[in-house]
C-alpha cells in the first residue's frame, strides 16, 4: 500500500505530459518511468530495513517486558469500589485491618511475596496466591482484578481450588 502510494506520488505529476505525443515527451516519460523504478527499489530497501529494525525492537521490547514482569510490582485493585468495601467488611476487619487501603495493600503484599504458592484455578483461570505460614490467600481474575483476600483454613483449601 505504501509502495503504491509512493509510486502514485512520483508518477502522477508527469501523467499530464503523457498525452502530448511528441518524441520529447516520450523521452521524458521513459525517464520518469526509470526514475520511478529506481525510487521503487529504494523504497523497497527502506521498507525491508524498517521491518528488520521493527522486528529487532519488538524482540527487544518483548524481552524487556518479560524482565519487567519479573521485577516490577503490579498493584491489583478490585473491579468495583463496592466490591473492595464488601470484602473489607467481610474479611479485612476480622484480619485486623483498620481501612480498605490497608486491606488492599496487604493483599498486594501477599501477591508480591516470593514465598507464596501460586497456581491457576482450573474452574475459571484465576491466579491463586497462598502463603502457608499465615494461611493468607488471594484470588486475582484472569483479566487482572483482585477478587478476594482472606485467611483460609490451610493448604488443603488451596489444593482444592
C-alpha atoms as a PDB file:
ATOM      1  CA  UNK A   1       0.000   0.000   0.000  1.00  0.00           C
ATOM      2  CA  UNK A   2       2.789   2.389   0.964  1.00  0.00           C
ATOM      3  CA  UNK A   3       4.696   1.395  -2.132  1.00  0.00           C
ATOM      4  CA  UNK A   4       1.706   2.072  -4.383  1.00  0.00           C
ATOM      5  CA  UNK A   5       1.147   5.468  -2.750  1.00  0.00           C
ATOM      6  CA  UNK A   6       4.792   6.404  -3.285  1.00  0.00           C
ATOM      7  CA  UNK A   7       4.650   5.377  -6.943  1.00  0.00           C
ATOM      8  CA  UNK A   8       1.443   7.332  -7.446  1.00  0.00           C
ATOM      9  CA  UNK A   9       3.009  10.454  -5.927  1.00  0.00           C
ATOM     10  CA  UNK A  10       6.114  10.095  -8.108  1.00  0.00           C
ATOM     11  CA  UNK A  11       4.376   9.351 -11.414  1.00  0.00           C
ATOM     12  CA  UNK A  12       1.142  11.379 -11.070  1.00  0.00           C
ATOM     13  CA  UNK A  13       2.664  14.848 -11.704  1.00  0.00           C
ATOM     14  CA  UNK A  14       4.005  13.581 -15.029  1.00  0.00           C
ATOM     15  CA  UNK A  15       0.797  11.976 -16.318  1.00  0.00           C
ATOM     16  CA  UNK A  16      -0.325  15.217 -17.935  1.00  0.00           C
ATOM     17  CA  UNK A  17       2.747  15.098 -20.177  1.00  0.00           C
ATOM     18  CA  UNK A  18       1.971  11.604 -21.473  1.00  0.00           C
ATOM     19  CA  UNK A  19      -0.775  12.667 -23.848  1.00  0.00           C
ATOM     20  CA  UNK A  20       1.219  15.311 -25.769  1.00  0.00           C
ATOM     21  CA  UNK A  21       2.505  12.745 -28.307  1.00  0.00           C
ATOM     22  CA  UNK A  22       5.819  14.366 -29.234  1.00  0.00           C
ATOM     23  CA  UNK A  23       9.105  12.477 -29.042  1.00  0.00           C
ATOM     24  CA  UNK A  24      10.482  14.779 -26.380  1.00  0.00           C
ATOM     25  CA  UNK A  25       7.607  13.892 -24.093  1.00  0.00           C
ATOM     26  CA  UNK A  26       8.096  10.144 -24.676  1.00  0.00           C
ATOM     27  CA  UNK A  27      11.774  10.533 -23.718  1.00  0.00           C
ATOM     28  CA  UNK A  28      10.671  12.373 -20.582  1.00  0.00           C
ATOM     29  CA  UNK A  29       8.137   9.640 -19.908  1.00  0.00           C
ATOM     30  CA  UNK A  30      10.840   6.971 -20.179  1.00  0.00           C
ATOM     31  CA  UNK A  31      12.988   8.954 -17.791  1.00  0.00           C
ATOM     32  CA  UNK A  32      10.078   9.282 -15.390  1.00  0.00           C
ATOM     33  CA  UNK A  33       9.429   5.532 -15.525  1.00  0.00           C
ATOM     34  CA  UNK A  34      13.104   4.746 -14.940  1.00  0.00           C
ATOM     35  CA  UNK A  35      13.212   7.240 -12.087  1.00  0.00           C
ATOM     36  CA  UNK A  36      10.065   5.707 -10.618  1.00  0.00           C
ATOM     37  CA  UNK A  37      11.600   2.238 -10.843  1.00  0.00           C
ATOM     38  CA  UNK A  38      14.738   3.446  -9.076  1.00  0.00           C
ATOM     39  CA  UNK A  39      12.616   5.156  -6.421  1.00  0.00           C
ATOM     40  CA  UNK A  40      10.566   1.970  -6.017  1.00  0.00           C
ATOM     41  CA  UNK A  41      13.709  -0.076  -5.440  1.00  0.00           C
ATOM     42  CA  UNK A  42      14.923   2.485  -2.929  1.00  0.00           C
ATOM     43  CA  UNK A  43      11.568   2.458  -1.113  1.00  0.00           C
ATOM     44  CA  UNK A  44      11.545  -1.356  -1.032  1.00  0.00           C
ATOM     45  CA  UNK A  45      15.041  -1.358   0.503  1.00  0.00           C
ATOM     46  CA  UNK A  46      13.931   1.193   3.100  1.00  0.00           C
ATOM     47  CA  UNK A  47      10.852  -0.848   3.957  1.00  0.00           C
ATOM     48  CA  UNK A  48      12.905  -4.021   4.336  1.00  0.00           C
ATOM     49  CA  UNK A  49      15.339  -2.187   6.579  1.00  0.00           C
ATOM     50  CA  UNK A  50      12.483  -0.735   8.660  1.00  0.00           C
ATOM     51  CA  UNK A  51      10.889  -4.188   9.007  1.00  0.00           C
ATOM     52  CA  UNK A  52      14.181  -5.617  10.265  1.00  0.00           C
ATOM     53  CA  UNK A  53      14.525  -2.734  12.721  1.00  0.00           C
ATOM     54  CA  UNK A  54      10.912  -3.101  13.851  1.00  0.00           C
ATOM     55  CA  UNK A  55      11.423  -6.829  14.357  1.00  0.00           C
ATOM     56  CA  UNK A  56      14.510  -6.169  16.469  1.00  0.00           C
ATOM     57  CA  UNK A  57      12.666  -3.522  18.504  1.00  0.00           C
ATOM     58  CA  UNK A  58       9.717  -5.887  19.039  1.00  0.00           C
ATOM     59  CA  UNK A  59      12.034  -8.676  20.164  1.00  0.00           C
ATOM     60  CA  UNK A  60      13.882  -6.302  22.500  1.00  0.00           C
ATOM     61  CA  UNK A  61      10.674  -4.884  23.949  1.00  0.00           C
ATOM     62  CA  UNK A  62       9.256  -8.397  24.472  1.00  0.00           C
ATOM     63  CA  UNK A  63      12.403  -9.328  26.374  1.00  0.00           C
ATOM     64  CA  UNK A  64      12.253  -6.087  28.369  1.00  0.00           C
ATOM     65  CA  UNK A  65       8.586  -6.725  29.180  1.00  0.00           C
ATOM     66  CA  UNK A  66       9.319 -10.235  30.433  1.00  0.00           C
ATOM     67  CA  UNK A  67      12.193  -8.886  32.531  1.00  0.00           C
ATOM     68  CA  UNK A  68       9.960  -6.074  33.770  1.00  0.00           C
ATOM     69  CA  UNK A  69       7.312  -8.624  34.761  1.00  0.00           C
ATOM     70  CA  UNK A  70       9.862 -10.362  36.945  1.00  0.00           C
ATOM     71  CA  UNK A  71      10.953  -7.169  38.692  1.00  0.00           C
ATOM     72  CA  UNK A  72       8.018  -4.782  38.514  1.00  0.00           C
ATOM     73  CA  UNK A  73       5.250  -4.974  41.089  1.00  0.00           C
ATOM     74  CA  UNK A  74       1.710  -4.594  39.827  1.00  0.00           C
ATOM     75  CA  UNK A  75      -0.823  -3.080  42.194  1.00  0.00           C
ATOM     76  CA  UNK A  76      -4.078  -5.019  41.976  1.00  0.00           C
ATOM     77  CA  UNK A  77      -7.412  -3.492  42.823  1.00  0.00           C
ATOM     78  CA  UNK A  78     -10.978  -4.754  42.974  1.00  0.00           C
ATOM     79  CA  UNK A  79     -13.000  -4.264  39.805  1.00  0.00           C
ATOM     80  CA  UNK A  80     -15.513  -2.000  41.592  1.00  0.00           C
ATOM     81  CA  UNK A  81     -15.170   0.110  44.765  1.00  0.00           C
ATOM     82  CA  UNK A  82     -18.217  -1.552  46.347  1.00  0.00           C
ATOM     83  CA  UNK A  83     -16.506  -4.938  45.988  1.00  0.00           C
ATOM     84  CA  UNK A  84     -13.499  -3.632  47.923  1.00  0.00           C
ATOM     85  CA  UNK A  85     -15.830  -2.306  50.610  1.00  0.00           C
ATOM     86  CA  UNK A  86     -17.735  -5.592  50.834  1.00  0.00           C
ATOM     87  CA  UNK A  87     -14.611  -7.745  51.053  1.00  0.00           C
ATOM     88  CA  UNK A  88     -13.027  -5.407  53.593  1.00  0.00           C
ATOM     89  CA  UNK A  89     -16.149  -5.614  55.768  1.00  0.00           C
ATOM     90  CA  UNK A  90     -16.319  -9.398  55.379  1.00  0.00           C
ATOM     91  CA  UNK A  91     -12.615 -10.289  55.703  1.00  0.00           C
ATOM     92  CA  UNK A  92     -10.483  -7.207  56.336  1.00  0.00           C
ATOM     93  CA  UNK A  93     -11.914  -6.286  59.709  1.00  0.00           C
ATOM     94  CA  UNK A  94     -11.587  -9.830  61.042  1.00  0.00           C
ATOM     95  CA  UNK A  95      -7.985  -9.847  59.759  1.00  0.00           C
ATOM     96  CA  UNK A  96      -7.288  -6.750  61.853  1.00  0.00           C
ATOM     97  CA  UNK A  97      -7.097  -4.077  59.165  1.00  0.00           C
ATOM     98  CA  UNK A  98      -8.416  -0.634  60.047  1.00  0.00           C
ATOM     99  CA  UNK A  99      -9.108   0.562  56.497  1.00  0.00           C
ATOM    100  CA  UNK A 100      -9.855  -0.630  52.988  1.00  0.00           C
ATOM    101  CA  UNK A 101      -6.482   0.768  51.884  1.00  0.00           C
ATOM    102  CA  UNK A 102      -4.611  -1.352  54.473  1.00  0.00           C
ATOM    103  CA  UNK A 103      -6.566  -4.424  53.373  1.00  0.00           C
ATOM    104  CA  UNK A 104      -5.769  -3.754  49.705  1.00  0.00           C
ATOM    105  CA  UNK A 105      -2.074  -3.124  50.412  1.00  0.00           C
ATOM    106  CA  UNK A 106      -1.840  -6.363  52.416  1.00  0.00           C
ATOM    107  CA  UNK A 107      -3.457  -8.313  49.552  1.00  0.00           C
ATOM    108  CA  UNK A 108      -0.905  -6.868  47.135  1.00  0.00           C
ATOM    109  CA  UNK A 109       1.933  -7.615  49.559  1.00  0.00           C
ATOM    110  CA  UNK A 110       0.790 -11.242  49.649  1.00  0.00           C
ATOM    111  CA  UNK A 111       0.687 -11.424  45.848  1.00  0.00           C
ATOM    112  CA  UNK A 112       4.204  -9.936  45.635  1.00  0.00           C
ATOM    113  CA  UNK A 113       5.594 -12.269  48.310  1.00  0.00           C
ATOM    114  CA  UNK A 114       8.074 -14.686  46.707  1.00  0.00           C
ATOM    115  CA  UNK A 115       7.253 -17.301  49.379  1.00  0.00           C
ATOM    116  CA  UNK A 116       3.679 -17.637  48.070  1.00  0.00           C
ATOM    117  CA  UNK A 117       2.479 -20.766  46.426  1.00  0.00           C
ATOM    118  CA  UNK A 118       0.716 -19.893  43.185  1.00  0.00           C
ATOM    119  CA  UNK A 119      -1.439 -21.724  40.753  1.00  0.00           C
ATOM    120  CA  UNK A 120      -4.119 -21.166  38.166  1.00  0.00           C
ATOM    121  CA  UNK A 121      -7.599 -22.089  39.245  1.00  0.00           C
ATOM    122  CA  UNK A 122      -8.931 -24.790  36.921  1.00  0.00           C
ATOM    123  CA  UNK A 123     -12.505 -23.534  37.003  1.00  0.00           C
ATOM    124  CA  UNK A 124     -12.014 -20.028  35.583  1.00  0.00           C
ATOM    125  CA  UNK A 125      -8.313 -19.328  35.117  1.00  0.00           C
ATOM    126  CA  UNK A 126      -7.920 -17.069  38.159  1.00  0.00           C
ATOM    127  CA  UNK A 127      -4.490 -16.913  39.776  1.00  0.00           C
ATOM    128  CA  UNK A 128      -4.394 -18.046  43.395  1.00  0.00           C
ATOM    129  CA  UNK A 129      -1.718 -16.848  45.836  1.00  0.00           C
ATOM    130  CA  UNK A 130      -1.319 -18.700  49.124  1.00  0.00           C
ATOM    131  CA  UNK A 131       1.125 -18.166  51.984  1.00  0.00           C
ATOM    132  CA  UNK A 132       1.249 -21.348  54.027  1.00  0.00           C
ATOM    133  CA  UNK A 133       2.834 -19.760  57.115  1.00  0.00           C
ATOM    134  CA  UNK A 134      -0.167 -17.426  57.601  1.00  0.00           C
ATOM    135  CA  UNK A 135      -2.892 -19.191  55.564  1.00  0.00           C
ATOM    136  CA  UNK A 136      -3.497 -15.953  53.659  1.00  0.00           C
ATOM    137  CA  UNK A 137      -4.997 -16.493  50.234  1.00  0.00           C
ATOM    138  CA  UNK A 138      -5.809 -14.106  47.386  1.00  0.00           C
ATOM    139  CA  UNK A 139      -7.531 -14.634  44.073  1.00  0.00           C
ATOM    140  CA  UNK A 140      -6.794 -12.477  41.029  1.00  0.00           C
ATOM    141  CA  UNK A 141      -9.058 -12.703  37.985  1.00  0.00           C
ATOM    142  CA  UNK A 142      -7.595 -13.606  34.623  1.00  0.00           C
ATOM    143  CA  UNK A 143      -8.151 -10.012  33.494  1.00  0.00           C
ATOM    144  CA  UNK A 144      -6.147  -8.587  36.398  1.00  0.00           C
ATOM    145  CA  UNK A 145      -8.573  -7.686  39.185  1.00  0.00           C
ATOM    146  CA  UNK A 146      -8.354  -8.742  42.810  1.00  0.00           C
ATOM    147  CA  UNK A 147     -11.345 -10.966  43.546  1.00  0.00           C
ATOM    148  CA  UNK A 148     -10.805 -11.669  47.238  1.00  0.00           C
ATOM    149  CA  UNK A 149      -8.246 -11.889  50.027  1.00  0.00           C
ATOM    150  CA  UNK A 150      -8.750 -13.676  53.337  1.00  0.00           C
ATOM    151  CA  UNK A 151      -7.391 -16.215  55.832  1.00  0.00           C
ATOM    152  CA  UNK A 152      -8.357 -19.701  54.697  1.00  0.00           C
ATOM    153  CA  UNK A 153      -8.372 -22.999  56.573  1.00  0.00           C
ATOM    154  CA  UNK A 154      -4.971 -24.070  55.226  1.00  0.00           C
ATOM    155  CA  UNK A 155      -3.111 -25.849  52.470  1.00  0.00           C
ATOM    156  CA  UNK A 156      -5.981 -28.286  51.840  1.00  0.00           C
ATOM    157  CA  UNK A 157      -8.213 -25.346  50.920  1.00  0.00           C
ATOM    158  CA  UNK A 158      -5.568 -24.057  48.481  1.00  0.00           C
ATOM    159  CA  UNK A 159      -5.139 -27.529  46.976  1.00  0.00           C
ATOM    160  CA  UNK A 160      -8.901 -27.904  46.377  1.00  0.00           C
ATOM    161  CA  UNK A 161      -9.052 -24.741  44.269  1.00  0.00           C
END
